[in-house]
Protein backbone atom coordinates (compact mmCIF):
# COMPACT_ATOMS: atom_id res chain seq x y z
CA UNK A 1 133.52 -113.87 8.52
CA UNK A 2 134.44 -110.29 7.15
CA UNK A 3 134.15 -111.58 3.54
CA UNK A 4 130.65 -112.98 4.26
CA UNK A 5 129.80 -109.65 5.72
CA UNK A 6 130.90 -107.71 2.60
CA UNK A 7 128.95 -110.11 0.30
CA UNK A 8 125.86 -109.61 2.25
CA UNK A 9 126.21 -105.74 2.12
CA UNK A 10 126.95 -106.01 -1.79
CA UNK A 11 123.92 -108.20 -2.07
CA UNK A 12 121.60 -105.79 -0.02
CA UNK A 13 122.57 -102.88 -2.07
CA UNK A 14 122.05 -104.67 -5.29
CA UNK A 15 118.45 -105.73 -4.13
CA UNK A 16 117.80 -102.20 -3.21
CA UNK A 17 119.24 -100.54 -6.26
CA UNK A 18 117.36 -98.34 -8.69
CA UNK A 19 118.61 -96.86 -11.85
CA UNK A 20 117.87 -93.11 -12.12
CA UNK A 21 117.91 -90.83 -15.31
CA UNK A 22 119.83 -87.82 -14.16
CA UNK A 23 119.33 -84.14 -15.36
CA UNK A 24 121.44 -81.18 -14.72
CA UNK A 25 122.19 -77.61 -16.32
CA UNK A 26 125.01 -75.32 -16.58
CA UNK A 27 125.21 -73.65 -13.12
CA UNK A 28 128.89 -73.35 -11.92
CA UNK A 29 130.36 -74.05 -9.51
CA UNK A 30 127.88 -76.79 -8.79
CA UNK A 31 127.42 -78.48 -12.07
CA UNK A 32 129.14 -77.36 -15.34
CA UNK A 33 131.03 -78.81 -18.49
CA UNK A 34 134.60 -78.19 -18.32
CA UNK A 35 137.03 -77.22 -21.29
CA UNK A 36 137.16 -80.88 -22.33
CA UNK A 37 133.25 -81.08 -22.25
CA UNK A 38 133.31 -83.24 -19.28
CA UNK A 39 130.74 -82.56 -16.68
CA UNK A 40 131.97 -81.70 -13.10
CA UNK A 41 131.56 -79.55 -9.79
CA UNK A 42 130.84 -80.02 -6.34
CA UNK A 43 127.29 -81.23 -7.00
CA UNK A 44 128.31 -83.78 -9.42
CA UNK A 45 130.92 -85.21 -7.27
CA UNK A 46 128.40 -85.57 -4.45
CA UNK A 47 125.75 -87.29 -6.78
CA UNK A 48 128.22 -89.85 -7.68
CA UNK A 49 129.52 -90.75 -4.35
CA UNK A 50 125.86 -90.94 -2.91
CA UNK A 51 124.92 -93.11 -5.56
CA UNK A 52 127.93 -95.37 -5.21
CA UNK A 53 127.56 -95.69 -1.38
CA UNK A 54 123.96 -96.62 -1.56
CA UNK A 55 124.16 -98.79 -4.65
CA UNK A 56 122.01 -96.64 -7.05
CA UNK A 57 123.02 -96.23 -10.78
CA UNK A 58 122.72 -93.41 -13.69
CA UNK A 59 120.94 -94.67 -16.57
CA UNK A 60 123.71 -95.42 -19.32
CA UNK A 61 126.22 -93.92 -16.76
CA UNK A 62 125.41 -90.55 -18.22
CA UNK A 63 124.21 -87.19 -16.73
CA UNK A 64 122.14 -85.40 -19.16
CA UNK A 65 122.90 -81.60 -19.42
CA UNK A 66 119.99 -79.99 -20.68
CA UNK A 67 118.10 -76.55 -20.57
CA UNK A 68 116.67 -76.15 -17.04
CA UNK A 69 112.86 -76.01 -18.07
CA UNK A 70 113.26 -79.41 -20.00
CA UNK A 71 115.13 -81.16 -16.80
CA UNK A 72 112.57 -79.59 -14.56
CA UNK A 73 109.52 -81.13 -16.46
CA UNK A 74 111.15 -84.46 -17.03
CA UNK A 75 111.49 -84.86 -13.38
CA UNK A 76 107.98 -83.60 -12.57
CA UNK A 77 106.34 -86.18 -15.39
CA UNK A 78 108.66 -89.45 -15.17
CA UNK A 79 109.55 -91.73 -12.29
CA UNK A 80 113.00 -92.71 -11.57
CA UNK A 81 114.54 -89.38 -12.42
CA UNK A 82 116.49 -86.59 -10.43
CA UNK A 83 117.32 -82.96 -11.19
CA UNK A 84 120.26 -81.04 -9.70
CA UNK A 85 121.23 -78.54 -8.27
CA UNK A 86 117.39 -77.22 -7.41
CA UNK A 87 116.46 -74.69 -4.87
CA UNK A 88 114.11 -76.01 -2.52
CA UNK A 89 111.31 -73.38 -2.39
CA UNK A 90 107.81 -73.11 -1.00
CA UNK A 91 106.54 -73.32 -4.48
CA UNK A 92 108.25 -76.36 -5.51
CA UNK A 93 107.96 -78.14 -1.82
CA UNK A 94 105.28 -80.78 -2.93
CA UNK A 95 106.42 -81.11 -6.43
CA UNK A 96 109.61 -83.40 -5.75
CA UNK A 97 111.11 -85.62 -3.09
CA UNK A 98 114.57 -83.76 -1.55
CA UNK A 99 117.80 -84.97 -0.79
CA UNK A 100 120.18 -82.22 0.62
CA UNK A 101 121.14 -79.64 1.26
CA UNK A 102 124.13 -79.89 -1.12
CA UNK A 103 124.99 -76.24 -1.41
CA UNK A 104 123.71 -72.63 -1.15
CA UNK A 105 122.42 -70.38 -3.82
CA UNK A 106 122.01 -66.85 -4.43
CA UNK A 107 119.31 -65.73 -6.77
CA UNK A 108 119.41 -62.32 -7.85
CA UNK A 109 119.27 -59.47 -10.65
CA UNK A 110 122.53 -58.08 -12.22
CA UNK A 111 123.06 -55.23 -14.55
CA UNK A 112 125.70 -52.89 -15.94
CA UNK A 113 126.72 -50.34 -13.35
CA UNK A 114 126.76 -47.50 -16.02
CA UNK A 115 122.90 -47.98 -16.78
CA UNK A 116 121.82 -47.46 -13.17
CA UNK A 117 119.04 -49.89 -13.34
CA UNK A 118 115.95 -49.44 -10.93
CA UNK A 119 114.23 -53.12 -11.00
CA UNK A 120 110.92 -51.87 -9.95
CA UNK A 121 110.86 -49.27 -12.76
CA UNK A 122 111.04 -52.22 -15.22
CA UNK A 123 107.87 -54.01 -13.79
CA UNK A 124 104.65 -53.74 -15.84
CA UNK A 125 105.71 -51.97 -18.86
CA UNK A 126 105.77 -55.39 -20.82
CA UNK A 127 109.32 -54.46 -22.62
CA UNK A 128 110.82 -57.62 -22.05
CA UNK A 129 113.81 -56.08 -20.71
CA UNK A 130 114.68 -58.52 -17.87
CA UNK A 131 116.55 -61.72 -18.96
CA UNK A 132 115.18 -64.95 -17.41
CA UNK A 133 115.51 -68.61 -17.89
CA UNK A 134 112.25 -70.67 -18.31
CA UNK A 135 110.85 -71.96 -15.03
CA UNK A 136 113.80 -70.78 -13.18
CA UNK A 137 113.71 -69.95 -9.34
CA UNK A 138 114.70 -66.45 -10.30
CA UNK A 139 111.53 -66.36 -12.91
CA UNK A 140 109.32 -67.44 -10.11
CA UNK A 141 110.56 -65.03 -7.41
CA UNK A 142 110.04 -62.12 -9.92
CA UNK A 143 106.51 -63.26 -10.76
CA UNK A 144 105.75 -63.22 -7.15
CA UNK A 145 106.85 -59.56 -6.85
CA UNK A 146 104.27 -58.68 -9.35
CA UNK A 147 106.36 -58.84 -12.43
CA UNK A 148 104.75 -60.69 -15.49
CA UNK A 149 105.92 -62.97 -18.27
CA UNK A 150 105.50 -59.93 -20.76
CA UNK A 151 108.45 -58.13 -18.64
CA UNK A 152 110.81 -61.05 -19.50
CA UNK A 153 112.93 -62.01 -22.52
CA UNK A 154 113.08 -65.93 -21.83
CA UNK A 155 115.78 -68.14 -22.51
CA UNK A 156 116.62 -71.84 -22.35
CA UNK A 157 120.17 -71.21 -20.66
CA UNK A 158 122.10 -68.36 -19.24
CA UNK A 159 124.76 -67.95 -21.98
CA UNK A 160 122.17 -66.39 -24.50
CA UNK A 161 120.70 -63.81 -21.84
CA UNK A 162 124.25 -62.90 -20.70
CA UNK A 163 125.20 -62.29 -24.35
CA UNK A 164 122.27 -59.90 -24.69
CA UNK A 165 123.18 -58.07 -21.56
CA UNK A 166 126.86 -57.66 -22.63
CA UNK A 167 125.48 -56.13 -26.12
CA UNK A 168 123.14 -53.62 -24.10
CA UNK A 169 120.18 -55.44 -25.62
CA UNK A 170 118.60 -56.22 -22.14
CA UNK A 171 118.56 -54.10 -18.87
CA UNK A 172 119.13 -56.83 -16.41
CA UNK A 173 119.21 -60.54 -16.20
CA UNK A 174 118.11 -62.73 -13.36
CA UNK A 175 119.56 -66.18 -12.29
CA UNK A 176 122.09 -67.55 -9.83
CA UNK A 177 124.23 -64.74 -8.98
CA UNK A 178 127.54 -66.77 -8.66
CA UNK A 179 126.65 -68.81 -11.91
CA UNK A 180 126.31 -65.31 -13.95
CA UNK A 181 129.51 -63.84 -12.74
CA UNK A 182 131.37 -67.05 -13.17
CA UNK A 183 130.20 -67.07 -16.88
CA UNK A 184 131.07 -63.57 -17.50
CA UNK A 185 134.53 -64.07 -16.21
CA UNK A 186 134.89 -67.35 -18.13
CA UNK A 187 133.98 -65.26 -21.31
CA UNK A 188 136.74 -62.57 -20.72
CA UNK A 189 134.34 -59.74 -19.15
CA UNK A 190 135.41 -57.75 -16.35
CA UNK A 191 132.94 -58.60 -13.70
CA UNK A 192 133.69 -55.03 -12.04
CA UNK A 193 131.50 -53.58 -14.79
CA UNK A 194 128.50 -55.35 -13.33
CA UNK A 195 126.44 -55.07 -10.13
CA UNK A 196 123.89 -56.97 -8.08
CA UNK A 197 120.72 -54.78 -8.53
CA UNK A 198 118.46 -57.04 -6.14
CA UNK A 199 119.39 -60.14 -4.27
CA UNK A 200 116.03 -61.93 -4.49
CA UNK A 201 116.61 -64.90 -2.25
CA UNK A 202 119.34 -67.15 -0.70
CA UNK A 203 118.26 -70.99 -1.02
CA UNK A 204 119.62 -74.31 -0.07
CA UNK A 205 120.23 -76.46 -3.06
CA UNK A 206 118.96 -80.09 -3.12
CA UNK A 207 118.97 -82.98 -5.48
CA UNK A 208 115.29 -83.09 -6.72
CA UNK A 209 113.79 -86.50 -7.15
CA UNK A 210 110.44 -87.48 -8.70
CA UNK A 211 107.91 -87.13 -5.96
CA UNK A 212 106.99 -90.63 -5.98
CA UNK A 213 110.36 -91.92 -5.26
CA UNK A 214 110.26 -94.51 -2.44
CA UNK A 215 110.35 -92.43 0.80
CA UNK A 216 112.46 -95.13 2.42
CA UNK A 217 115.25 -94.47 -0.15
CA UNK A 218 115.03 -90.54 0.13
CA UNK A 219 115.62 -91.10 3.63
CA UNK A 220 118.50 -93.40 3.41
CA UNK A 221 120.16 -91.14 0.66
CA UNK A 222 119.64 -88.13 3.23
CA UNK A 223 121.37 -89.94 5.86
CA UNK A 224 124.09 -91.21 3.52
CA UNK A 225 124.69 -87.49 2.63
CA UNK A 226 124.93 -86.26 6.07
CA UNK A 227 127.81 -89.17 6.64
CA UNK A 228 129.42 -87.70 3.37
CA UNK A 229 129.49 -83.88 4.43
CA UNK A 230 128.21 -83.50 8.05
C-alpha cells in the first residue's frame, strides 16, 4: 500500500512540474560563488530544497549568476523564470509573483569614515559620486529621496563600485550593507575603515517569479517554504 502511495505522489509531482530558468547575482551571504566557483548560500539551498519538494526543475540544472539588471529584466519579460534574492518593495509588488520571505536585507549607503560624507550634500549636483547597481533596490530608494541618475555612477555589480570606493574615486556606494561589508572583508580590507552613512530600508527577501506564474503553484511553493523554515 505504501508503495502505491509513493508512486501516486511521484506521479502528481511529475504532472505538476515546471522547469524554470533561474537567475541570481552576487549577494552574500544569501547567494554567491565560493572559491571553487560553485554557487552557494542560504537562498540557494532554500530554492533547491523547495523545488525538490514540489517537483519543479531548473533548466539545464544551472543557476545563472548574472548582473542584477539582466536577471531583473529577464524575469520581467519571460515566463517560467525566477530571480533571487529580491527585496519585495511597493514599487515591485505588482511586477512579480512572490515566494517568501527567505531572509532580511539591509539596504544602505556606506563610505570611508575619514571622508565624513553627508549623503544629502551629494544630492542634485550631478557629479556621479554615489556608486549604485543598475535597477537595484538601493538605486530605486535613492531616486525616491530626490536623487537623480546623474548623481550616480552606475555599475552591473558591486565589485566594481567597491573598487572605486577603495580608490577614493567615489564618495559613497549604495547596496546591501551586509554584502558590501562581506565583499570588502573578502578582498582584505578592514571594514573598520567604513561606516553606514544612511540605512535606507530593511526589506524581506523573496524568490521573485514571473508575474504570470500559476497562482496555485505560487501558493504551493509558499506553503512548502513555511514547512521548510517555519
